[in-house]
Amino acid sequence: MKELIDSHCHLDFADFNSDLIAVLNRARDKGVQYFLVPGIGAHNWQAVLALAHQHDGVYPALGIHPYFLADFDVNHLQLLDEYLATEQDIVAVGEFGLDKAVDFPFAQQLQICKQQLVLAKQYDLPVILHCRKAHNELIQLLQQAKLPRGGVIHGFSGSTQLGMQYIKLGFKLGIGGVITYPRAAKTRQAVSELPLSSLLLETDSPDMPILGYQGSRNEPANITKVLHSLVELRQEPAELIVKTNLRTFTELFLS
């Protein structure tokens, strides 16, 4: 099975500094063909782009994540604009979004999120969105933005109803390690019911550990464990899920 994708992994993080080549090789040995690496702030955009230039199958996205807004400067939006205008390899704007658990004024988060949605529309790119405790507000922003390319809601852990709200707005749902945990009953039910073509497998490496690997660094090779859980929950063949996932990824980010 040589058509697997990790649609969200932070391979530029320091966790991978000592053994990135081995991490990529382990993933490729498991059949992972494509890796999407989202930027999280101006401080790491160059590293993300360098990774994509150096390694086949690694695709970059650039965005300003709410976790890192303490370092935010208004010039960063101008810099993001310049990167999007000049770097042809960029496949999406992200990772960005809204997070009410972050110690940063929510009104400012809304403005910074809106401005990145504007850039995505301007450059006709999909978006990669982070959302925690702010789904109503994010949905409202997306209804207003009307992005022709849509995007993906990263780390989806909601209900079938919430998932359908995003799908109706033209978005895919990033499905990761959370579905390997039996206690995540709501999300496990959702991924068994939602359209397969709206789901994208991801690891969020080095974070979002898989069941049984808590406390360990996550890595893209573990996408096979997420796939295994999805096969069990949906009662569909792995080959069908992998083929559909590849098509969804390609249409969203590479077309």
Protein backbone atom coordinates (compact mmCIF):
# COMPACT_ATOMS: atom_id res chain seq x y z
CA MET A 1 0.00 0.00 0.00
CA LYS A 2 2.14 2.86 -1.32
CA GLU A 3 -0.34 5.71 -1.47
CA LEU A 4 -0.62 6.85 2.14
CA ILE A 5 -0.58 10.52 3.10
CA ASP A 6 0.14 12.37 6.30
CA SER A 7 -1.87 15.52 5.67
CA HIS A 8 -0.57 17.32 8.79
CA CYS A 9 2.86 16.83 10.37
CA HIS A 10 5.32 19.33 11.83
CA LEU A 11 8.54 17.80 10.56
CA ASP A 12 10.43 21.06 11.06
CA PHE A 13 10.01 20.89 14.86
CA ALA A 14 13.13 20.36 16.97
CA ASP A 15 11.80 16.90 17.98
CA PHE A 16 12.98 15.68 14.56
CA ASN A 17 16.32 17.49 14.35
CA SER A 18 18.43 14.43 15.14
CA ASP A 19 16.78 11.80 12.94
CA LEU A 20 14.53 13.37 10.29
CA ILE A 21 15.87 11.17 7.48
CA ALA A 22 15.16 8.03 9.52
CA VAL A 23 11.66 9.35 10.34
CA LEU A 24 10.94 9.94 6.64
CA ASN A 25 12.34 6.53 5.69
CA ARG A 26 10.21 4.74 8.31
CA ALA A 27 7.13 6.51 6.97
CA ARG A 28 8.00 5.67 3.36
CA ASP A 29 8.58 2.05 4.34
CA LYS A 30 4.97 2.08 5.61
CA GLY A 31 3.79 3.48 2.28
CA VAL A 32 3.55 7.20 3.10
CA GLN A 33 4.01 9.09 -0.15
CA TYR A 34 3.09 12.67 0.74
CA PHE A 35 3.69 14.81 3.82
CA LEU A 36 2.04 18.20 4.34
CA VAL A 37 4.01 20.40 6.75
CA PRO A 38 2.12 23.48 8.00
CA GLY A 39 3.96 26.55 9.24
CA ILE A 40 2.88 28.05 12.56
CA GLY A 41 4.47 31.50 12.57
CA ALA A 42 7.01 33.74 10.90
CA HIS A 43 9.79 32.16 12.97
CA ASN A 44 9.46 28.77 11.23
CA TRP A 45 8.29 29.55 7.69
CA GLN A 46 11.79 29.44 6.22
CA ALA A 47 12.44 26.07 7.85
CA VAL A 48 9.19 24.65 6.44
CA LEU A 49 10.04 25.87 2.94
CA ALA A 50 13.57 24.48 3.22
CA LEU A 51 12.18 21.05 4.19
CA ALA A 52 9.93 21.02 1.16
CA HIS A 53 12.81 22.00 -1.13
CA GLN A 54 15.08 19.29 0.29
CA HIS A 55 12.74 16.29 0.44
CA ASP A 56 10.54 14.73 -2.23
CA GLY A 57 6.87 14.47 -1.36
CA VAL A 58 7.01 17.15 1.35
CA TYR A 59 4.61 20.04 0.75
CA PRO A 60 4.63 23.34 2.66
CA ALA A 61 1.85 25.53 4.00
CA LEU A 62 2.40 28.82 5.86
CA GLY A 63 0.23 30.39 8.53
CA ILE A 64 0.11 32.08 11.94
CA HIS A 65 -1.12 29.65 14.61
CA PRO A 66 -3.00 31.03 17.65
CA TYR A 67 -0.54 29.25 20.00
CA PHE A 68 2.24 31.54 18.81
CA LEU A 69 0.49 34.92 18.75
CA ALA A 70 2.57 36.21 21.67
CA ASP A 71 5.31 36.76 19.06
CA PHE A 72 2.92 38.25 16.50
CA ASP A 73 3.81 41.45 14.71
CA VAL A 74 1.57 43.09 12.12
CA ASN A 75 4.50 42.89 9.69
CA HIS A 76 4.13 39.10 9.76
CA LEU A 77 0.96 39.34 7.68
CA GLN A 78 2.84 41.40 5.10
CA LEU A 79 5.64 38.83 5.12
CA LEU A 80 3.11 36.02 4.66
CA ASP A 81 1.65 37.91 1.70
CA GLU A 82 5.12 38.18 0.17
CA TYR A 83 5.83 34.46 0.63
CA LEU A 84 2.50 33.52 -0.94
CA ALA A 85 3.24 35.80 -3.88
CA THR A 86 6.71 34.41 -4.56
CA GLU A 87 6.90 30.78 -3.34
CA GLN A 88 5.20 28.56 -5.90
CA ASP A 89 5.58 25.42 -3.75
CA ILE A 90 3.12 26.58 -1.06
CA VAL A 91 -0.04 24.46 -1.24
CA ALA A 92 -2.15 26.11 1.50
CA VAL A 93 -2.42 28.90 4.04
CA GLY A 94 -2.11 27.44 7.52
CA GLU A 95 -2.00 26.43 10.16
CA PHE A 96 -4.11 29.20 11.69
CA GLY A 97 -7.46 29.62 13.39
CA LEU A 98 -9.16 30.36 16.71
CA ASP A 99 -8.47 29.07 20.21
CA LYS A 100 -10.28 30.28 23.32
CA ALA A 101 -7.87 28.35 25.55
CA VAL A 102 -4.97 30.53 24.43
CA ASP A 103 -3.96 33.52 26.55
CA PHE A 104 -4.32 36.05 23.73
CA PRO A 105 -7.24 38.47 23.20
CA PHE A 106 -9.93 36.68 21.20
CA ALA A 107 -10.91 39.85 19.30
CA GLN A 108 -7.36 40.06 17.97
CA GLN A 109 -7.39 36.35 17.12
CA LEU A 110 -10.50 36.97 15.03
CA GLN A 111 -8.81 39.79 13.12
CA ILE A 112 -5.63 37.82 12.43
CA CYS A 113 -7.70 34.81 11.34
CA LYS A 114 -9.82 36.99 9.03
CA GLN A 115 -6.73 38.48 7.41
CA GLN A 116 -5.33 35.04 6.65
CA LEU A 117 -8.66 33.99 5.13
CA VAL A 118 -8.43 37.06 2.90
CA LEU A 119 -4.93 36.03 1.77
CA ALA A 120 -6.10 32.49 1.02
CA LYS A 121 -8.87 33.85 -1.16
CA GLN A 122 -6.51 36.31 -2.84
CA TYR A 123 -4.05 33.56 -3.78
CA ASP A 124 -6.72 30.92 -4.47
CA LEU A 125 -5.36 28.52 -1.86
CA PRO A 126 -7.08 26.16 0.58
CA VAL A 127 -6.63 26.72 4.32
CA ILE A 128 -5.58 24.49 7.23
CA LEU A 129 -7.53 25.51 10.33
CA HIS A 130 -7.04 24.97 14.04
CA CYS A 131 -10.09 25.46 16.27
CA ARG A 132 -10.64 24.94 19.98
CA LYS A 133 -13.76 26.04 21.84
CA ALA A 134 -14.61 28.49 19.04
CA HIS A 135 -16.44 26.49 16.36
CA ASN A 136 -19.45 28.83 16.18
CA GLU A 137 -17.20 31.82 15.61
CA LEU A 138 -15.06 30.00 13.05
CA ILE A 139 -18.08 28.78 11.11
CA GLN A 140 -19.40 32.34 11.02
CA LEU A 141 -16.07 33.59 9.62
CA LEU A 142 -16.05 30.87 6.97
CA GLN A 143 -19.62 31.64 5.95
CA GLN A 144 -18.56 35.25 5.40
CA ALA A 145 -15.25 34.41 3.69
CA LYS A 146 -16.75 32.07 1.06
CA LEU A 147 -13.41 30.48 0.17
CA PRO A 148 -13.62 28.85 -3.28
CA ARG A 149 -10.92 26.28 -2.40
CA GLY A 150 -12.18 25.43 1.11
CA GLY A 151 -9.63 23.61 3.21
CA VAL A 152 -9.32 21.25 6.16
CA ILE A 153 -10.36 21.45 9.81
CA HIS A 154 -7.27 20.01 11.44
CA GLY A 155 -7.52 17.62 14.38
CA PHE A 156 -11.28 17.21 14.13
CA SER A 157 -12.71 15.87 17.39
CA GLY A 158 -16.37 16.86 17.13
CA SER A 159 -19.74 15.32 16.41
CA THR A 160 -21.34 14.21 13.16
CA GLN A 161 -23.46 17.37 13.25
CA LEU A 162 -20.44 19.66 13.62
CA GLY A 163 -18.59 17.78 10.90
CA MET A 164 -21.50 18.22 8.49
CA GLN A 165 -21.56 21.96 9.16
CA TYR A 166 -17.97 22.21 7.95
CA ILE A 167 -18.49 19.81 5.05
CA LYS A 168 -21.42 21.91 3.79
CA LEU A 169 -19.04 24.89 3.74
CA GLY A 170 -16.70 22.94 1.45
CA PHE A 171 -14.24 21.73 4.09
CA LYS A 172 -12.54 18.41 4.79
CA LEU A 173 -11.89 17.06 8.28
CA GLY A 174 -8.42 16.10 9.51
CA ILE A 175 -8.65 12.76 11.32
CA GLY A 176 -5.80 11.74 13.61
CA GLY A 177 -4.85 9.84 16.72
CA VAL A 178 -7.95 10.84 18.69
CA ILE A 179 -9.96 8.10 16.92
CA THR A 180 -7.63 5.43 18.33
CA TYR A 181 -8.99 6.13 21.84
CA PRO A 182 -12.19 4.26 22.82
CA ARG A 183 -13.20 7.14 25.12
CA ALA A 184 -13.50 9.46 22.08
CA ALA A 185 -16.94 7.95 21.41
CA LYS A 186 -18.48 11.06 19.82
CA THR A 187 -15.70 11.51 17.28
CA ARG A 188 -15.40 7.79 16.56
CA GLN A 189 -19.10 7.71 15.76
CA ALA A 190 -18.75 10.83 13.60
CA VAL A 191 -15.96 9.40 11.44
CA SER A 192 -17.99 6.22 10.94
CA GLU A 193 -20.94 8.25 9.62
CA LEU A 194 -19.45 11.20 7.71
CA PRO A 195 -18.65 10.93 3.96
CA LEU A 196 -15.34 9.16 3.39
CA SER A 197 -14.40 11.72 0.73
CA SER A 198 -14.49 14.45 3.40
CA LEU A 199 -11.91 12.82 5.69
CA LEU A 200 -8.13 13.31 5.56
CA LEU A 201 -5.73 11.18 7.59
CA GLU A 202 -3.13 13.04 9.66
CA THR A 203 -0.76 12.45 12.59
CA ASP A 204 0.00 16.02 13.79
CA SER A 205 3.49 14.70 14.53
CA PRO A 206 5.26 15.10 16.89
CA ASP A 207 2.03 15.68 18.85
CA MET A 208 -1.38 13.93 19.13
CA PRO A 209 -0.05 10.55 20.34
CA ILE A 210 -1.65 7.29 19.26
CA LEU A 211 -3.31 5.02 21.85
CA GLY A 212 -0.61 3.00 23.57
CA TYR A 213 2.12 5.51 22.72
CA GLN A 214 1.24 8.30 25.16
CA GLY A 215 4.36 10.18 26.19
CA SER A 216 6.22 9.15 23.04
CA ARG A 217 7.01 11.33 20.05
CA ASN A 218 4.47 10.81 17.30
CA GLU A 219 5.70 10.41 13.72
CA PRO A 220 4.20 10.00 10.23
CA ALA A 221 4.73 6.21 10.12
CA ASN A 222 1.94 6.00 12.70
CA ILE A 223 -0.58 7.05 10.04
CA THR A 224 -1.06 3.30 9.53
CA LYS A 225 -2.46 3.06 13.06
CA VAL A 226 -4.94 5.87 12.37
CA LEU A 227 -5.90 4.09 9.14
CA HIS A 228 -6.41 0.82 11.03
CA SER A 229 -8.80 2.53 13.46
CA LEU A 230 -10.72 4.13 10.60
CA VAL A 231 -11.05 0.77 8.83
CA GLU A 232 -12.50 -0.76 12.01
CA LEU A 233 -14.87 2.14 12.67
CA ARG A 234 -16.19 2.40 9.12
CA GLN A 235 -16.07 -1.33 8.29
CA GLU A 236 -14.64 -0.46 4.87
CA PRO A 237 -11.57 -1.91 3.12
CA ALA A 238 -8.26 -0.18 3.79
CA GLU A 239 -7.65 0.02 0.03
CA LEU A 240 -10.84 2.03 -0.48
CA ILE A 241 -9.98 4.44 2.34
CA VAL A 242 -6.41 4.93 1.09
CA LYS A 243 -7.50 5.48 -2.51
CA THR A 244 -10.21 7.95 -1.50
CA ASN A 245 -7.84 9.76 0.83
CA LEU A 246 -5.26 10.16 -1.93
CA ARG A 247 -7.87 11.59 -4.28
CA THR A 248 -9.18 13.99 -1.63
CA PHE A 249 -5.66 15.20 -0.78
CA THR A 250 -4.65 15.61 -4.42
CA GLU A 251 -7.79 17.51 -5.37
CA LEU A 252 -7.55 19.82 -2.36
CA PHE A 253 -3.83 20.62 -2.29
CA LEU A 254 -2.17 19.57 -5.55
CA SER A 255 -4.61 20.52 -8.29
